[in-house]
Amino acid sequence: MPPAGDDTSIKIRRSILSWPTPFDFNFMTGHSPSWKRHLYYELRWKKNTGATLDMIWRYEQFFYGQQLIPGNGWGSGFMTHEGSTGLIQVAIKE
């Protein structure tokens, strides 16, 4: 919980472009995503003094199709890929 006078927000954005993955294959389950896209999680913390902390994480989200995941077919947005996902930006302004 932020201290009194601080303002915090979390925003989730999806990348505009998705990309097909025709050559991906999961040897354990036999099911592979047919599409992938990035999800961005943004945290903004503004202190009552005016100082701000902005952090952005990027993760991959997989699309498996309607038969595997109920709803719209997109899986959870926390898939990692070494070198391109995780915390990607931190900005502190006073």
PDB file of N, CA and C in Angstrom:
ATOM      1  N   MET A   1       0.836  -1.171   0.000  1.00  0.00           N
ATOM      2  CA  MET A   1       0.000   0.000   0.000  1.00  0.00           C
ATOM      3  C   MET A   1       0.890   1.246   0.000  1.00  0.00           C
ATOM      4  N   PRO A   2       0.667   2.180  -0.930  1.00  0.00           N
ATOM      5  CA  PRO A   2       1.494   3.389  -0.966  1.00  0.00           C
ATOM      6  C   PRO A   2       1.169   4.313   0.211  1.00  0.00           C
ATOM      7  N   PRO A   3       2.166   5.062   0.652  1.00  0.00           N
ATOM      8  CA  PRO A   3       1.923   6.023   1.728  1.00  0.00           C
ATOM      9  C   PRO A   3       0.915   7.091   1.298  1.00  0.00           C
ATOM     10  N   ALA A   4       0.287   7.726   2.272  1.00  0.00           N
ATOM     11  CA  ALA A   4      -0.681   8.788   1.983  1.00  0.00           C
ATOM     12  C   ALA A   4      -0.013   9.883   1.150  1.00  0.00           C
ATOM     13  N   GLY A   5      -0.701  10.358   0.132  1.00  0.00           N
ATOM     14  CA  GLY A   5      -0.176  11.402  -0.743  1.00  0.00           C
ATOM     15  C   GLY A   5       0.527  10.878  -1.975  1.00  0.00           C
ATOM     16  N   ASP A   6       0.902   9.594  -1.988  1.00  0.00           N
ATOM     17  CA  ASP A   6       1.531   8.998  -3.168  1.00  0.00           C
ATOM     18  C   ASP A   6       0.446   8.519  -4.125  1.00  0.00           C
ATOM     19  N   ASP A   7       0.786   8.503  -5.409  1.00  0.00           N
ATOM     20  CA  ASP A   7      -0.149   8.044  -6.440  1.00  0.00           C
ATOM     21  C   ASP A   7       0.517   6.906  -7.211  1.00  0.00           C
ATOM     22  N   THR A   8      -0.146   5.759  -7.308  1.00  0.00           N
ATOM     23  CA  THR A   8       0.415   4.620  -8.032  1.00  0.00           C
ATOM     24  C   THR A   8      -0.576   4.127  -9.074  1.00  0.00           C
ATOM     25  N   SER A   9      -0.051   3.573 -10.151  1.00  0.00           N
ATOM     26  CA  SER A   9      -0.908   2.967 -11.166  1.00  0.00           C
ATOM     27  C   SER A   9      -0.150   1.843 -11.864  1.00  0.00           C
ATOM     28  N   ILE A  10      -0.912   0.865 -12.327  1.00  0.00           N
ATOM     29  CA  ILE A  10      -0.367  -0.239 -13.114  1.00  0.00           C
ATOM     30  C   ILE A  10      -1.181  -0.326 -14.389  1.00  0.00           C
ATOM     31  N   LYS A  11      -0.484  -0.417 -15.507  1.00  0.00           N
ATOM     32  CA  LYS A  11      -1.134  -0.487 -16.810  1.00  0.00           C
ATOM     33  C   LYS A  11      -0.614  -1.714 -17.550  1.00  0.00           C
ATOM     34  N   ILE A  12      -1.495  -2.413 -18.248  1.00  0.00           N
ATOM     35  CA  ILE A  12      -1.103  -3.563 -19.065  1.00  0.00           C
ATOM     36  C   ILE A  12      -1.418  -3.228 -20.519  1.00  0.00           C
ATOM     37  N   ARG A  13      -0.415  -3.354 -21.385  1.00  0.00           N
ATOM     38  CA  ARG A  13      -0.607  -3.096 -22.818  1.00  0.00           C
ATOM     39  C   ARG A  13      -0.206  -4.332 -23.611  1.00  0.00           C
ATOM     40  N   ARG A  14      -0.854  -4.529 -24.726  1.00  0.00           N
ATOM     41  CA  ARG A  14      -0.504  -5.618 -25.649  1.00  0.00           C
ATOM     42  C   ARG A  14       0.154  -5.020 -26.885  1.00  0.00           C
ATOM     43  N   SER A  15       1.121  -5.737 -27.444  1.00  0.00           N
ATOM     44  CA  SER A  15       1.760  -5.240 -28.655  1.00  0.00           C
ATOM     45  C   SER A  15       0.746  -5.213 -29.795  1.00  0.00           C
ATOM     46  N   ILE A  16       0.919  -4.285 -30.698  1.00  0.00           N
ATOM     47  CA  ILE A  16       0.017  -4.145 -31.832  1.00  0.00           C
ATOM     48  C   ILE A  16       0.191  -5.321 -32.796  1.00  0.00           C
ATOM     49  N   LEU A  17       1.431  -5.760 -32.956  1.00  0.00           N
ATOM     50  CA  LEU A  17       1.726  -6.841 -33.896  1.00  0.00           C
ATOM     51  C   LEU A  17       1.896  -8.174 -33.176  1.00  0.00           C
ATOM     52  N   SER A  18       1.339  -9.207 -33.759  1.00  0.00           N
ATOM     53  CA  SER A  18       1.589 -10.583 -33.329  1.00  0.00           C
ATOM     54  C   SER A  18       2.386 -11.246 -34.440  1.00  0.00           C
ATOM     55  N   TRP A  19       3.086 -12.324 -34.116  1.00  0.00           N
ATOM     56  CA  TRP A  19       3.857 -13.002 -35.156  1.00  0.00           C
ATOM     57  C   TRP A  19       3.562 -14.497 -35.124  1.00  0.00           C
ATOM     58  N   PRO A  20       3.465 -15.101 -36.313  1.00  0.00           N
ATOM     59  CA  PRO A  20       3.204 -16.544 -36.386  1.00  0.00           C
ATOM     60  C   PRO A  20       4.436 -17.336 -35.970  1.00  0.00           C
ATOM     61  N   THR A  21       4.203 -18.547 -35.453  1.00  0.00           N
ATOM     62  CA  THR A  21       5.307 -19.404 -35.016  1.00  0.00           C
ATOM     63  C   THR A  21       5.139 -20.799 -35.627  1.00  0.00           C
ATOM     64  N   PRO A  22       5.240 -20.897 -36.956  1.00  0.00           N
ATOM     65  CA  PRO A  22       4.972 -22.188 -37.603  1.00  0.00           C
ATOM     66  C   PRO A  22       6.002 -23.271 -37.306  1.00  0.00           C
ATOM     67  N   PHE A  23       7.209 -22.895 -36.850  1.00  0.00           N
ATOM     68  CA  PHE A  23       8.254 -23.892 -36.641  1.00  0.00           C
ATOM     69  C   PHE A  23       8.489 -24.222 -35.165  1.00  0.00           C
ATOM     70  N   ASP A  24       7.693 -23.634 -34.258  1.00  0.00           N
ATOM     71  CA  ASP A  24       7.813 -23.974 -32.832  1.00  0.00           C
ATOM     72  C   ASP A  24       7.181 -25.341 -32.581  1.00  0.00           C
ATOM     73  N   PHE A  25       7.840 -26.126 -31.743  1.00  0.00           N
ATOM     74  CA  PHE A  25       7.278 -27.426 -31.380  1.00  0.00           C
ATOM     75  C   PHE A  25       7.639 -27.739 -29.936  1.00  0.00           C
ATOM     76  N   ASN A  26       6.651 -28.120 -29.142  1.00  0.00           N
ATOM     77  CA  ASN A  26       6.853 -28.491 -27.752  1.00  0.00           C
ATOM     78  C   ASN A  26       6.941 -30.011 -27.678  1.00  0.00           C
ATOM     79  N   PHE A  27       8.108 -30.534 -27.368  1.00  0.00           N
ATOM     80  CA  PHE A  27       8.307 -31.977 -27.350  1.00  0.00           C
ATOM     81  C   PHE A  27       7.631 -32.655 -26.162  1.00  0.00           C
ATOM     82  N   MET A  28       7.353 -31.906 -25.088  1.00  0.00           N
ATOM     83  CA  MET A  28       6.724 -32.508 -23.913  1.00  0.00           C
ATOM     84  C   MET A  28       5.225 -32.729 -24.106  1.00  0.00           C
ATOM     85  N   THR A  29       4.530 -31.731 -24.669  1.00  0.00           N
ATOM     86  CA  THR A  29       3.072 -31.842 -24.792  1.00  0.00           C
ATOM     87  C   THR A  29       2.608 -32.055 -26.230  1.00  0.00           C
ATOM     88  N   GLY A  30       3.441 -31.683 -27.177  1.00  0.00           N
ATOM     89  CA  GLY A  30       3.036 -31.761 -28.578  1.00  0.00           C
ATOM     90  C   GLY A  30       2.222 -30.566 -29.030  1.00  0.00           C
ATOM     91  N   HIS A  31       1.865 -29.669 -28.112  1.00  0.00           N
ATOM     92  CA  HIS A  31       1.104 -28.470 -28.441  1.00  0.00           C
ATOM     93  C   HIS A  31       2.021 -27.268 -28.437  1.00  0.00           C
ATOM     94  N   SER A  32       2.001 -26.528 -29.512  1.00  0.00           N
ATOM     95  CA  SER A  32       2.828 -25.333 -29.637  1.00  0.00           C
ATOM     96  C   SER A  32       1.953 -24.148 -29.987  1.00  0.00           C
ATOM     97  N   PRO A  33       2.371 -22.953 -29.574  1.00  0.00           N
ATOM     98  CA  PRO A  33       1.573 -21.788 -29.932  1.00  0.00           C
ATOM     99  C   PRO A  33       1.652 -21.517 -31.430  1.00  0.00           C
ATOM    100  N   SER A  34       0.552 -21.053 -31.986  1.00  0.00           N
ATOM    101  CA  SER A  34       0.557 -20.697 -33.404  1.00  0.00           C
ATOM    102  C   SER A  34       0.886 -19.220 -33.606  1.00  0.00           C
ATOM    103  N   TRP A  35       0.710 -18.414 -32.564  1.00  0.00           N
ATOM    104  CA  TRP A  35       1.037 -16.987 -32.599  1.00  0.00           C
ATOM    105  C   TRP A  35       1.647 -16.577 -31.270  1.00  0.00           C
ATOM    106  N   LYS A  36       2.419 -15.487 -31.302  1.00  0.00           N
ATOM    107  CA  LYS A  36       2.964 -14.885 -30.089  1.00  0.00           C
ATOM    108  C   LYS A  36       2.830 -13.368 -30.200  1.00  0.00           C
ATOM    109  N   ARG A  37       2.801 -12.722 -29.034  1.00  0.00           N
ATOM    110  CA  ARG A  37       2.837 -11.265 -28.974  1.00  0.00           C
ATOM    111  C   ARG A  37       3.465 -10.880 -27.643  1.00  0.00           C
ATOM    112  N   HIS A  38       3.835  -9.608 -27.507  1.00  0.00           N
ATOM    113  CA  HIS A  38       4.394  -9.129 -26.249  1.00  0.00           C
ATOM    114  C   HIS A  38       3.316  -8.465 -25.412  1.00  0.00           C
ATOM    115  N   LEU A  39       3.433  -8.616 -24.092  1.00  0.00           N
ATOM    116  CA  LEU A  39       2.622  -7.869 -23.132  1.00  0.00           C
ATOM    117  C   LEU A  39       3.571  -6.976 -22.351  1.00  0.00           C
ATOM    118  N   TYR A  40       3.124  -5.761 -22.079  1.00  0.00           N
ATOM    119  CA  TYR A  40       3.924  -4.802 -21.326  1.00  0.00           C
ATOM    120  C   TYR A  40       3.176  -4.445 -20.049  1.00  0.00           C
ATOM    121  N   TYR A  41       3.856  -4.562 -18.919  1.00  0.00           N
ATOM    122  CA  TYR A  41       3.316  -4.194 -17.619  1.00  0.00           C
ATOM    123  C   TYR A  41       4.049  -2.931 -17.173  1.00  0.00           C
ATOM    124  N   GLU A  42       3.303  -1.853 -16.952  1.00  0.00           N
ATOM    125  CA  GLU A  42       3.903  -0.574 -16.590  1.00  0.00           C
ATOM    126  C   GLU A  42       3.468  -0.165 -15.184  1.00  0.00           C
ATOM    127  N   LEU A  43       4.452   0.158 -14.347  1.00  0.00           N
ATOM    128  CA  LEU A  43       4.198   0.657 -13.005  1.00  0.00           C
ATOM    129  C   LEU A  43       4.646   2.103 -12.944  1.00  0.00           C
ATOM    130  N   ARG A  44       3.788   2.981 -12.442  1.00  0.00           N
ATOM    131  CA  ARG A  44       4.155   4.379 -12.203  1.00  0.00           C
ATOM    132  C   ARG A  44       3.863   4.691 -10.745  1.00  0.00           C
ATOM    133  N   TRP A  45       4.876   5.182 -10.053  1.00  0.00           N
ATOM    134  CA  TRP A  45       4.737   5.559  -8.646  1.00  0.00           C
ATOM    135  C   TRP A  45       5.168   7.012  -8.539  1.00  0.00           C
ATOM    136  N   LYS A  46       4.225   7.869  -8.157  1.00  0.00           N
ATOM    137  CA  LYS A  46       4.519   9.293  -8.021  1.00  0.00           C
ATOM    138  C   LYS A  46       4.413   9.673  -6.553  1.00  0.00           C
ATOM    139  N   LYS A  47       5.510  10.184  -6.011  1.00  0.00           N
ATOM    140  CA  LYS A  47       5.546  10.627  -4.618  1.00  0.00           C
ATOM    141  C   LYS A  47       4.888  11.996  -4.497  1.00  0.00           C
ATOM    142  N   ASN A  48       4.471  12.337  -3.299  1.00  0.00           N
ATOM    143  CA  ASN A  48       3.849  13.646  -3.101  1.00  0.00           C
ATOM    144  C   ASN A  48       4.838  14.789  -3.287  1.00  0.00           C
ATOM    145  N   THR A  49       6.128  14.492  -3.326  1.00  0.00           N
ATOM    146  CA  THR A  49       7.165  15.493  -3.591  1.00  0.00           C
ATOM    147  C   THR A  49       7.310  15.785  -5.079  1.00  0.00           C
ATOM    148  N   GLY A  50       6.673  14.949  -5.937  1.00  0.00           N
ATOM    149  CA  GLY A  50       6.777  15.108  -7.385  1.00  0.00           C
ATOM    150  C   GLY A  50       7.727  14.111  -8.034  1.00  0.00           C
ATOM    151  N   ALA A  51       8.525  13.404  -7.237  1.00  0.00           N
ATOM    152  CA  ALA A  51       9.433  12.389  -7.778  1.00  0.00           C
ATOM    153  C   ALA A  51       8.621  11.215  -8.326  1.00  0.00           C
ATOM    154  N   THR A  52       9.103  10.620  -9.416  1.00  0.00           N
ATOM    155  CA  THR A  52       8.386   9.492 -10.021  1.00  0.00           C
ATOM    156  C   THR A  52       9.322   8.318 -10.275  1.00  0.00           C
ATOM    157  N   LEU A  53       8.738   7.134 -10.213  1.00  0.00           N
ATOM    158  CA  LEU A  53       9.414   5.893 -10.574  1.00  0.00           C
ATOM    159  C   LEU A  53       8.562   5.229 -11.649  1.00  0.00           C
ATOM    160  N   ASP A  54       9.142   4.992 -12.811  1.00  0.00           N
ATOM    161  CA  ASP A  54       8.460   4.299 -13.900  1.00  0.00           C
ATOM    162  C   ASP A  54       9.227   3.022 -14.210  1.00  0.00           C
ATOM    163  N   MET A  55       8.518   1.893 -14.233  1.00  0.00           N
ATOM    164  CA  MET A  55       9.136   0.603 -14.548  1.00  0.00           C
ATOM    165  C   MET A  55       8.291  -0.110 -15.588  1.00  0.00           C
ATOM    166  N   ILE A  56       8.954  -0.764 -16.547  1.00  0.00           N
ATOM    167  CA  ILE A  56       8.255  -1.502 -17.601  1.00  0.00           C
ATOM    168  C   ILE A  56       8.851  -2.902 -17.708  1.00  0.00           C
ATOM    169  N   TRP A  57       7.969  -3.908 -17.675  1.00  0.00           N
ATOM    170  CA  TRP A  57       8.340  -5.306 -17.889  1.00  0.00           C
ATOM    171  C   TRP A  57       7.725  -5.756 -19.198  1.00  0.00           C
ATOM    172  N   ARG A  58       8.437  -6.619 -19.933  1.00  0.00           N
ATOM    173  CA  ARG A  58       7.907  -7.191 -21.170  1.00  0.00           C
ATOM    174  C   ARG A  58       7.930  -8.711 -21.058  1.00  0.00           C
ATOM    175  N   TYR A  59       6.804  -9.337 -21.434  1.00  0.00           N
ATOM    176  CA  TYR A  59       6.686 -10.792 -21.444  1.00  0.00           C
ATOM    177  C   TYR A  59       6.050 -11.237 -22.752  1.00  0.00           C
ATOM    178  N   GLU A  60       6.215 -12.511 -23.081  1.00  0.00           N
ATOM    179  CA  GLU A  60       5.565 -13.070 -24.265  1.00  0.00           C
ATOM    180  C   GLU A  60       4.228 -13.690 -23.872  1.00  0.00           C
ATOM    181  N   GLN A  61       3.278 -13.590 -24.778  1.00  0.00           N
ATOM    182  CA  GLN A  61       1.979 -14.221 -24.598  1.00  0.00           C
ATOM    183  C   GLN A  61       1.757 -15.123 -25.808  1.00  0.00           C
ATOM    184  N   PHE A  62       1.345 -16.363 -25.558  1.00  0.00           N
ATOM    185  CA  PHE A  62       1.172 -17.361 -26.611  1.00  0.00           C
ATOM    186  C   PHE A  62      -0.299 -17.544 -26.950  1.00  0.00           C
ATOM    187  N   PHE A  63      -0.563 -17.791 -28.225  1.00  0.00           N
ATOM    188  CA  PHE A  63      -1.910 -18.118 -28.694  1.00  0.00           C
ATOM    189  C   PHE A  63      -1.920 -19.580 -29.125  1.00  0.00           C
ATOM    190  N   TYR A  64      -2.766 -20.378 -28.468  1.00  0.00           N
ATOM    191  CA  TYR A  64      -2.840 -21.804 -28.765  1.00  0.00           C
ATOM    192  C   TYR A  64      -4.072 -22.198 -29.547  1.00  0.00           C
ATOM    193  N   GLY A  65      -5.057 -21.347 -29.642  1.00  0.00           N
ATOM    194  CA  GLY A  65      -6.294 -21.711 -30.336  1.00  0.00           C
ATOM    195  C   GLY A  65      -7.384 -22.067 -29.342  1.00  0.00           C
ATOM    196  N   GLN A  66      -8.588 -22.056 -29.801  1.00  0.00           N
ATOM    197  CA  GLN A  66      -9.758 -22.237 -28.955  1.00  0.00           C
ATOM    198  C   GLN A  66      -9.808 -23.607 -28.281  1.00  0.00           C
ATOM    199  N   GLN A  67      -9.281 -24.645 -28.899  1.00  0.00           N
ATOM    200  CA  GLN A  67      -9.433 -25.983 -28.343  1.00  0.00           C
ATOM    201  C   GLN A  67      -8.618 -26.203 -27.070  1.00  0.00           C
ATOM    202  N   LEU A  68      -7.566 -25.436 -26.826  1.00  0.00           N
ATOM    203  CA  LEU A  68      -6.710 -25.667 -25.663  1.00  0.00           C
ATOM    204  C   LEU A  68      -6.977 -24.714 -24.504  1.00  0.00           C
ATOM    205  N   ILE A  69      -7.314 -23.480 -24.806  1.00  0.00           N
ATOM    206  CA  ILE A  69      -7.526 -22.494 -23.755  1.00  0.00           C
ATOM    207  C   ILE A  69      -8.905 -21.879 -23.935  1.00  0.00           C
ATOM    208  N   PRO A  70      -9.777 -22.011 -22.939  1.00  0.00           N
ATOM    209  CA  PRO A  70     -11.111 -21.415 -23.063  1.00  0.00           C
ATOM    210  C   PRO A  70     -11.022 -19.899 -23.190  1.00  0.00           C
ATOM    211  N   GLY A  71     -12.000 -19.303 -23.811  1.00  0.00           N
ATOM    212  CA  GLY A  71     -12.014 -17.851 -23.968  1.00  0.00           C
ATOM    213  C   GLY A  71     -11.466 -17.457 -25.314  1.00  0.00           C
ATOM    214  N   ASN A  72     -10.506 -16.538 -25.317  1.00  0.00           N
ATOM    215  CA  ASN A  72     -10.025 -16.014 -26.593  1.00  0.00           C
ATOM    216  C   ASN A  72      -8.800 -16.739 -27.136  1.00  0.00           C
ATOM    217  N   GLY A  73      -8.278 -17.735 -26.454  1.00  0.00           N
ATOM    218  CA  GLY A  73      -7.154 -18.509 -26.968  1.00  0.00           C
ATOM    219  C   GLY A  73      -5.779 -18.026 -26.569  1.00  0.00           C
ATOM    220  N   TRP A  74      -5.671 -16.827 -25.993  1.00  0.00           N
ATOM    221  CA  TRP A  74      -4.370 -16.325 -25.558  1.00  0.00           C
ATOM    222  C   TRP A  74      -4.079 -16.833 -24.156  1.00  0.00           C
ATOM    223  N   GLY A  75      -2.865 -17.303 -23.933  1.00  0.00           N
ATOM    224  CA  GLY A  75      -2.458 -17.819 -22.632  1.00  0.00           C
ATOM    225  C   GLY A  75      -2.081 -16.698 -21.680  1.00  0.00           C
ATOM    226  N   SER A  76      -1.512 -17.066 -20.543  1.00  0.00           N
ATOM    227  CA  SER A  76      -1.091 -16.061 -19.567  1.00  0.00           C
ATOM    228  C   SER A  76       0.035 -15.218 -20.161  1.00  0.00           C
ATOM    229  N   GLY A  77       0.185 -14.039 -19.668  1.00  0.00           N
ATOM    230  CA  GLY A  77       1.181 -13.128 -20.218  1.00  0.00           C
ATOM    231  C   GLY A  77       2.455 -13.067 -19.421  1.00  0.00           C
ATOM    232  N   PHE A  78       2.956 -14.198 -18.964  1.00  0.00           N
ATOM    233  CA  PHE A  78       4.184 -14.192 -18.170  1.00  0.00           C
ATOM    234  C   PHE A  78       5.230 -15.159 -18.712  1.00  0.00           C
ATOM    235  N   MET A  79       5.195 -15.450 -20.000  1.00  0.00           N
ATOM    236  CA  MET A  79       6.193 -16.331 -20.589  1.00  0.00           C
ATOM    237  C   MET A  79       7.493 -15.552 -20.767  1.00  0.00           C
ATOM    238  N   THR A  80       8.585 -16.176 -20.397  1.00  0.00           N
ATOM    239  CA  THR A  80       9.875 -15.504 -20.493  1.00  0.00           C
ATOM    240  C   THR A  80      10.705 -16.077 -21.633  1.00  0.00           C
ATOM    241  N   HIS A  81      11.575 -15.245 -22.141  1.00  0.00           N
ATOM    242  CA  HIS A  81      12.509 -15.635 -23.186  1.00  0.00           C
ATOM    243  C   HIS A  81      13.799 -14.881 -22.898  1.00  0.00           C
ATOM    244  N   GLU A  82      14.846 -15.614 -22.577  1.00  0.00           N
ATOM    245  CA  GLU A  82      16.103 -15.000 -22.144  1.00  0.00           C
ATOM    246  C   GLU A  82      16.585 -13.944 -23.131  1.00  0.00           C
ATOM    247  N   GLY A  83      16.884 -12.787 -22.595  1.00  0.00           N
ATOM    248  CA  GLY A  83      17.422 -11.704 -23.414  1.00  0.00           C
ATOM    249  C   GLY A  83      16.391 -10.743 -23.966  1.00  0.00           C
ATOM    250  N   SER A  84      15.104 -11.093 -23.940  1.00  0.00           N
ATOM    251  CA  SER A  84      14.112 -10.180 -24.511  1.00  0.00           C
ATOM    252  C   SER A  84      12.905  -9.940 -23.609  1.00  0.00           C
ATOM    253  N   THR A  85      12.824 -10.610 -22.464  1.00  0.00           N
ATOM    254  CA  THR A  85      11.694 -10.401 -21.569  1.00  0.00           C
ATOM    255  C   THR A  85      12.174 -10.088 -20.159  1.00  0.00           C
ATOM    256  N   GLY A  86      11.255  -9.660 -19.330  1.00  0.00           N
ATOM    257  CA  GLY A  86      11.574  -9.274 -17.967  1.00  0.00           C
ATOM    258  C   GLY A  86      11.577  -7.756 -17.854  1.00  0.00           C
ATOM    259  N   LEU A  87      12.248  -7.230 -16.852  1.00  0.00           N
ATOM    260  CA  LEU A  87      12.323  -5.784 -16.643  1.00  0.00           C
ATOM    261  C   LEU A  87      13.157  -5.172 -17.755  1.00  0.00           C
ATOM    262  N   ILE A  88      12.563  -4.261 -18.525  1.00  0.00           N
ATOM    263  CA  ILE A  88      13.281  -3.683 -19.665  1.00  0.00           C
ATOM    264  C   ILE A  88      13.570  -2.192 -19.519  1.00  0.00           C
ATOM    265  N   GLN A  89      12.885  -1.519 -18.564  1.00  0.00           N
ATOM    266  CA  GLN A  89      13.126  -0.077 -18.427  1.00  0.00           C
ATOM    267  C   GLN A  89      12.809   0.376 -17.001  1.00  0.00           C
ATOM    268  N   VAL A  90      13.677   1.244 -16.480  1.00  0.00           N
ATOM    269  CA  VAL A  90      13.454   1.881 -15.181  1.00  0.00           C
ATOM    270  C   VAL A  90      13.835   3.346 -15.340  1.00  0.00           C
ATOM    271  N   ALA A  91      12.952   4.242 -14.911  1.00  0.00           N
ATOM    272  CA  ALA A  91      13.236   5.679 -14.949  1.00  0.00           C
ATOM    273  C   ALA A  91      12.848   6.292 -13.607  1.00  0.00           C
ATOM    274  N   ILE A  92      13.789   7.024 -13.007  1.00  0.00           N
ATOM    275  CA  ILE A  92      13.544   7.719 -11.747  1.00  0.00           C
ATOM    276  C   ILE A  92      13.764   9.204 -12.001  1.00  0.00           C
ATOM    277  N   LYS A  93      12.758   9.991 -11.680  1.00  0.00           N
ATOM    278  CA  LYS A  93      12.850  11.450 -11.874  1.00  0.00           C
ATOM    279  C   LYS A  93      12.552  12.131 -10.556  1.00  0.00           C
ATOM    280  N   GLU A  94      13.373  13.110 -10.234  1.00  0.00           N
ATOM    281  CA  GLU A  94      13.168  13.833  -8.973  1.00  0.00           C
ATOM    282  C   GLU A  94      12.668  15.225  -9.230  1.00  0.00           C
TER     283      GLU A  94
END
